Each structure stands twice: as C-alpha cells, then as structure tokens.
Protein backbone atom coordinates (compact mmCIF):
# COMPACT_ATOMS: atom_id res chain seq x y z
CA MET A 1 19.76 -9.74 -21.17
CA TRP A 2 18.02 -7.30 -18.80
CA ARG A 3 15.66 -9.91 -17.44
CA LYS A 4 18.62 -12.16 -16.60
CA ARG A 5 20.39 -9.23 -14.95
CA MET A 6 17.37 -8.57 -12.73
CA GLN A 7 17.28 -12.24 -11.76
CA ASP A 8 20.94 -11.98 -10.77
CA LEU A 9 20.22 -8.77 -8.83
CA SER A 10 17.41 -10.48 -6.92
CA ARG A 11 20.05 -12.72 -5.34
CA GLY A 12 22.80 -10.14 -5.00
CA MET A 13 24.76 -11.67 -7.85
CA GLY A 14 25.98 -10.72 -11.32
CA LYS A 15 28.77 -8.60 -12.69
CA PRO A 16 28.63 -4.76 -12.68
CA HIS A 17 27.00 -3.20 -15.74
CA ALA A 18 25.50 0.06 -16.94
CA PRO A 19 22.41 0.56 -14.76
CA LEU A 20 18.91 -0.31 -15.89
CA PHE A 21 16.99 2.94 -16.29
CA ALA A 22 13.66 2.31 -14.53
CA PRO A 23 11.86 5.58 -13.71
CA LEU A 24 8.31 5.05 -12.45
CA LEU A 25 6.32 5.87 -15.59
CA PHE A 26 2.69 4.82 -15.26
CA GLY A 27 0.00 7.51 -15.12
CA VAL A 28 1.78 9.64 -17.74
CA ALA A 29 1.18 6.82 -20.25
CA ALA A 30 -2.57 7.51 -20.20
CA GLN A 31 -1.80 10.49 -22.46
CA ILE A 32 -1.03 8.08 -25.31
CA GLU A 33 -4.72 7.20 -25.64
CA ALA A 34 -5.95 10.53 -24.19
CA ILE A 35 -7.80 8.82 -21.34
CA SER A 36 -7.78 9.36 -17.59
CA VAL A 37 -5.28 7.53 -15.41
CA GLU A 38 -8.20 5.85 -13.62
CA GLN A 39 -9.61 4.53 -16.90
CA MET A 40 -6.24 3.05 -17.76
CA ARG A 41 -5.69 1.64 -14.28
CA GLN A 42 -8.93 -0.36 -14.51
CA ASP A 43 -8.12 -2.09 -17.82
CA GLY A 44 -5.20 -4.47 -18.30
CA THR A 45 -5.19 -4.16 -22.09
CA ARG A 46 -5.07 -0.38 -21.85
CA ILE A 47 -2.20 -0.56 -19.34
CA ARG A 48 -0.31 -2.84 -21.69
CA LYS A 49 -0.99 -0.73 -24.80
CA ASN A 50 -0.35 2.72 -23.30
CA VAL A 51 2.60 1.91 -21.06
CA GLY A 52 4.08 -0.28 -23.78
CA GLU A 53 3.74 2.42 -26.44
CA LEU A 54 5.35 4.99 -24.14
CA ARG A 55 8.21 2.55 -23.57
CA ARG A 56 8.75 2.19 -27.33
CA ALA A 57 8.61 5.96 -27.86
CA LEU A 58 11.24 6.51 -25.17
CA GLY A 59 13.43 3.54 -26.07
CA MET A 60 13.13 2.11 -22.54
CA GLU A 61 13.63 -1.42 -21.24
CA THR A 62 11.01 -1.32 -18.46
CA VAL A 63 7.22 -1.30 -18.23
CA PHE A 64 5.23 -0.71 -15.04
CA CYS A 65 1.99 -2.59 -14.42
CA SER A 66 1.15 -0.44 -11.38
CA ALA A 67 2.10 2.56 -9.29
CA PRO A 68 1.63 2.98 -5.51
CA ASP A 69 -2.07 3.62 -5.09
CA GLU A 70 -4.18 3.88 -1.94
CA ALA A 71 -7.33 2.68 -3.71
CA MET A 72 -5.52 -0.51 -4.75
CA LEU A 73 -4.17 -0.84 -1.22
CA ALA A 74 -7.63 -0.47 0.34
CA GLY A 75 -9.23 -2.95 -2.03
CA ALA A 76 -6.47 -5.53 -1.66
CA ALA A 77 -6.50 -5.23 2.16
CA GLN A 78 -10.23 -5.95 2.20
CA ALA A 79 -10.05 -8.72 -0.40
CA GLY A 80 -7.41 -10.69 1.46
CA ALA A 81 -6.27 -13.68 -0.57
CA ASP A 82 -8.70 -12.96 -3.44
CA LEU A 83 -6.58 -10.23 -5.00
CA GLU A 84 -8.15 -10.47 -8.43
CA SER A 85 -11.50 -9.39 -7.02
CA VAL A 86 -9.97 -5.89 -6.86
CA PRO A 87 -10.38 -4.35 -10.36
CA THR A 88 -7.11 -2.41 -10.34
CA VAL A 89 -5.15 -5.44 -9.14
CA ALA A 90 -6.81 -7.69 -11.71
CA ALA A 91 -5.99 -5.16 -14.45
CA ALA A 92 -2.35 -4.92 -13.39
CA LEU A 93 -2.01 -8.72 -13.36
CA GLU A 94 -3.66 -8.98 -16.77
CA ALA A 95 -1.20 -6.44 -18.18
CA VAL A 96 1.70 -8.53 -16.86
CA ARG A 97 0.31 -11.66 -18.50
CA GLN A 98 -0.12 -9.86 -21.82
CA TRP A 99 3.46 -8.58 -21.70
CA GLN A 100 4.65 -12.16 -21.42
CA ALA A 101 3.80 -12.51 -25.12
CA ASP A 102 5.85 -9.41 -26.07
CA THR A 103 8.82 -10.64 -28.09
CA SER A 104 10.84 -7.54 -27.19
CA GLU A 105 11.00 -8.93 -23.62
CA PRO A 106 10.50 -5.80 -21.50
CA VAL A 107 11.48 -5.85 -17.83
CA ILE A 108 8.10 -5.89 -16.08
CA VAL A 109 7.92 -3.94 -12.82
CA ALA A 110 5.25 -3.60 -10.12
CA ALA A 111 5.45 -0.61 -7.77
CA PHE A 112 3.67 -0.74 -4.41
CA HIS A 113 3.54 1.02 -1.07
CA GLY A 114 5.94 -0.61 1.38
CA PRO A 115 5.09 -1.94 4.85
CA GLY A 116 5.72 1.35 6.65
CA ARG A 117 3.18 3.18 4.50
CA VAL A 118 0.70 0.31 4.75
CA PHE A 119 1.02 0.47 8.55
CA HIS A 120 0.46 4.25 8.50
CA TRP A 121 -2.55 3.86 6.19
CA GLN A 122 -4.04 1.31 8.58
CA GLN A 123 -3.56 3.69 11.50
CA GLN A 124 -5.30 6.47 9.60
CA ASN A 125 -8.20 4.11 8.99
CA GLY A 126 -8.72 3.12 12.61
CA ALA A 127 -6.50 0.05 12.98
CA SER A 128 -5.41 -0.79 16.50
CA GLY A 129 -3.75 -3.60 18.39
CA ASP A 130 -0.20 -4.85 18.77
CA ALA A 131 1.96 -2.92 16.30
CA ALA A 132 4.56 -5.67 15.85
CA LEU A 133 1.82 -8.20 15.07
CA ARG A 134 0.32 -5.81 12.53
CA PHE A 135 3.67 -5.53 10.77
CA GLU A 136 3.83 -9.33 10.68
CA GLN A 137 0.39 -9.40 9.07
CA ILE A 138 1.41 -6.68 6.62
CA GLY A 139 4.44 -8.73 5.64
CA ASP A 140 2.17 -11.69 4.90
CA LEU A 141 -0.15 -9.47 2.85
CA LEU A 142 2.66 -8.00 0.76
CA ALA A 143 4.19 -11.45 0.30
CA SER A 144 0.87 -12.60 -1.21
CA TRP A 145 1.01 -9.65 -3.63
CA VAL A 146 4.55 -10.51 -4.65
CA ARG A 147 3.63 -14.16 -5.12
CA SER A 148 0.66 -13.32 -7.36
CA PHE A 149 2.59 -10.85 -9.48
CA ALA A 150 5.70 -13.04 -9.67
CA GLU A 151 3.61 -15.98 -10.87
CA ALA A 152 2.07 -13.68 -13.49
CA GLY A 153 5.56 -12.75 -14.68
CA ILE A 154 7.08 -9.59 -13.14
CA HIS A 155 10.84 -9.23 -12.86
CA MET A 156 11.08 -6.48 -10.24
CA VAL A 157 9.01 -5.03 -7.42
CA GLN A 158 9.72 -1.50 -6.20
CA TRP A 159 8.63 -0.68 -2.64
CA TYR A 160 7.99 3.01 -2.01
CA ASP A 161 8.10 3.36 1.73
CA THR A 162 8.47 5.53 4.81
CA PRO A 163 10.00 3.69 7.79
CA PRO A 164 8.22 3.93 11.18
CA GLN A 165 9.20 6.88 13.34
CA ASP A 166 9.11 4.66 16.42
CA THR A 167 12.56 3.06 16.48
CA ALA A 168 11.14 0.21 18.57
CA LEU A 169 9.25 -0.90 15.46
CA MET A 170 12.26 -0.99 13.13
CA ASP A 171 12.81 -4.72 13.54
CA ALA A 172 9.13 -5.38 12.83
CA TRP A 173 9.35 -3.20 9.70
CA LYS A 174 12.45 -5.07 8.55
CA GLY A 175 10.66 -8.34 9.22
CA ALA A 176 7.77 -7.34 6.96
CA LEU A 177 10.21 -6.37 4.21
CA GLY A 178 11.96 -9.70 4.70
CA THR A 179 8.75 -11.74 4.43
CA ALA A 180 7.88 -10.12 1.09
CA GLY A 181 11.52 -10.12 -0.02
CA ASN A 182 11.93 -13.85 0.61
CA VAL A 183 9.02 -14.61 -1.72
CA ALA A 184 10.52 -12.27 -4.34
CA ARG A 185 13.92 -13.94 -4.03
CA PHE A 186 12.37 -17.40 -4.40
CA HIS A 187 10.82 -16.28 -7.70
CA ARG A 188 14.03 -14.44 -8.73
CA VAL A 189 12.25 -11.08 -8.64
CA ALA A 190 14.38 -8.10 -7.61
CA SER A 191 12.90 -6.53 -4.45
CA VAL A 192 13.92 -2.85 -4.45
CA LEU A 193 13.38 -0.37 -1.59
CA LEU A 194 13.05 3.39 -2.01
CA GLN A 195 12.62 5.41 1.18
CA GLU A 196 11.14 8.80 1.91
CA ALA A 197 13.32 9.68 4.88
CA ASP A 198 15.44 12.59 6.03
CA GLY A 199 19.18 12.31 6.47
CA GLN A 200 20.82 8.94 5.91
CA PRO A 201 18.29 6.21 6.76
CA ILE A 202 18.95 2.57 7.56
CA TRP A 203 19.08 0.30 4.51
CA PRO A 204 18.07 -3.18 5.69
CA ALA A 205 19.49 -6.26 4.01
CA GLN A 206 15.95 -7.51 3.38
CA ALA A 207 15.69 -5.43 0.17
CA ILE A 208 17.90 -3.93 -2.51
CA ALA A 209 18.69 -0.36 -1.45
CA CYS A 210 17.88 2.41 -3.91
CA SER A 211 18.99 5.64 -2.26
CA THR A 212 19.25 9.23 -3.33
CA PRO A 213 22.75 10.75 -3.29
CA GLU A 214 21.77 12.65 -0.14
CA GLN A 215 20.66 9.47 1.63
CA HIS A 216 23.82 7.56 0.77
CA PRO A 217 26.53 9.16 -1.36
CA GLY A 218 28.82 6.80 -3.20
CA ALA A 219 28.75 3.04 -3.54
CA MET A 220 27.29 0.52 -1.09
CA PRO A 221 28.74 -2.84 0.03
CA ARG A 222 25.98 -4.81 -1.73
CA PRO A 223 24.47 -4.42 -5.23
CA HIS A 224 22.16 -1.41 -5.12
CA GLY A 225 20.31 1.21 -7.11
CA ARG A 226 20.11 4.98 -7.24
CA ALA A 227 16.98 7.11 -6.88
CA TRP A 228 16.59 10.20 -9.07
CA PRO A 229 14.03 13.02 -8.74
CA ALA A 230 10.52 12.42 -10.06
CA ASP A 231 10.79 15.54 -12.24
CA PRO A 232 12.47 14.52 -15.53
CA GLN A 233 13.90 18.00 -16.00
CA LEU A 234 16.09 17.40 -12.93
CA TRP A 235 17.58 14.15 -14.19
CA PRO A 236 21.39 14.14 -14.61
CA GLN A 237 23.34 12.26 -17.27
CA LEU A 238 22.99 8.49 -17.32
CA PRO A 239 26.09 6.75 -15.93
CA GLY A 240 28.06 4.33 -18.05
CA ASP A 241 29.36 0.78 -17.72
CA ASP A 242 31.59 1.68 -14.77
CA ALA A 243 28.64 2.79 -12.59
CA ALA A 244 28.37 1.41 -9.05
CA GLU A 245 24.58 1.13 -9.17
CA ARG A 246 22.67 -1.63 -11.00
CA LEU A 247 19.51 0.37 -11.66
CA ILE A 248 18.14 3.91 -11.58
CA ALA A 249 14.62 4.50 -10.29
CA THR A 250 12.77 7.65 -9.25
CA VAL A 251 11.88 8.74 -5.71
CA ALA A 252 8.21 8.83 -6.71
CA GLU A 253 6.07 8.34 -9.77
CA VAL A 254 6.83 10.75 -12.61
CA PRO A 255 3.81 13.09 -12.46
CA ALA A 256 0.97 11.98 -14.73
CA GLU A 257 0.62 15.52 -16.06
CA THR A 258 4.18 15.57 -17.41
CA GLU A 259 3.91 16.20 -21.15
CA VAL A 260 5.13 13.26 -23.20
CA ALA A 261 7.08 15.56 -25.53
CA SER A 262 8.91 17.08 -22.55
CA LEU A 263 9.58 13.60 -21.15
CA MET A 264 11.02 12.48 -24.48
CA ALA A 265 13.28 15.53 -24.57
CA SER A 266 14.55 14.78 -21.05
CA VAL A 267 15.32 11.15 -21.92
CA GLN A 268 17.17 12.20 -25.05
CA ARG A 269 19.16 14.78 -23.07
CA ILE A 270 20.36 12.37 -20.37
CA ARG A 271 21.56 9.91 -23.02
CA GLU A 272 23.75 12.44 -24.81
CA THR A 273 27.45 11.92 -24.28
C-alpha cells in the first residue's frame, strides 16, 4: 500500500490519506548492534539489519539506506559514474537490494544533500568557474545517484538543501533539482525537498515540497509533506486521515546519540489519540 502511495506521490497523483511517517532515522540505528555509525555506514548488511530492526521496534513503514554525508558526497564527486567504488555508496546500494527481499515491503528511502549544499561544498573545496554551469553539472551528478538508487529499488529520495543566497542562481538551482527530479519521476520515486531557509522560501515545482509550519503554514496547491523537528521530544501528535500532507519527515537527521528507549517513547506518545 505505502509503496504504491509513494509511486502516486512521485507524479503528483493519488487520493489524500494519513501521512507516511518518515523521520530520518539512520545513525541512531547503530545502537542496535552497539557499533559506531561509521562502521554501520560502510556495511550494507549492517545497515539493513540495524535500520530494519529499529523500524520493527518502532512499528515504522520506512527504512533509510543513507543520510546526508559529506564523506559520501566527496567520494561520489571524485568517483563520477563509478558510484559503487565509494564504500559508503556501495553499502547503501547493497542495503537497498537486500531490502527488496523483505516480505514486509518497507518504503526504502535515500537521503542526500541537495544541489545548493553540493554547490556550497564545492566552493569550500576550491571549485571555480561559471556558477550556472556548475549547477548543471551538479544536476547531472545527482541524477546519476537517483538512477543508481532507483534501479536498486528505493521508493523515495529526500533532498536536504539550502538554496543559493544569490537570487541570480535560483533558476540554475531549480534546474539541478529538475534534472534529478525527472529521473526520479521516470522511476516513480518520490523526490522530496526539505530546505534550511529563513522565512517562507520558494518551493519549486521540480520537487515535492516538505516545509515546516513556519516556512509554509497550512496546505499547498500540490501534494506535499510536512517537516518536523529532528528532536523526537518536540514531535506533535500524528495527523489523521484528513491531513493535508502526504508524508512527515524531519528537518534533519534524528541525532545518532538519541537513546532508542527515548525514541520509542516519543513514537508511542505521538500515536496516542
């Protein structure tokens, strides 16, 4: 059911329903096996086992194969088309493939830095040249990520991004989102955008908006999501079948140091009616 709903969402279709609860839970799952997040991130089987076990303990529908990570970004940028030469990327893809055999059919999600943050990371690491062309190249890079992960079997990609401060680059930023989003749409993968931005930012049509209440109170014209705080203790009650949003994500990854017992208590609390 949830996989079909995410396919519908990828194309802006489907009837309203109670939102999919999809907080970014990745590093916290390393506590299941009492290993470091880095150890888990390097091993697809450990990602599948730990994240999957946390999902079962919490009664969730989603599993994350990755979280936004600069080390993954650096390796993938250098590897180019050979993504699986990057250990963390190869591990994330292997976890996705293993989840394909899970009869409980979890919704498999990949979370990455969006084009604005990739552009900023490049600047910090000495990149130069025409900014609009760089965004075009970033769009191609992210599209290759989406293609690889979609072919492995993900159902949603969440972009965690900060739009460029230079308003002259907004169209280039949207173009990069569109390049990656078109590949996601072709594979019926929901392409979801979460922004770190003050006030009420622009929500381009190239991705499914997932705003905080402060960024956009109330419903939007198109199917959309809602972003909750990363701290589980700040989560409100889950909305019901009459909710305007199709999914609930978090503005950032739930901190890896969050105790699993506390996380379980928060999930139980928000489900109480």
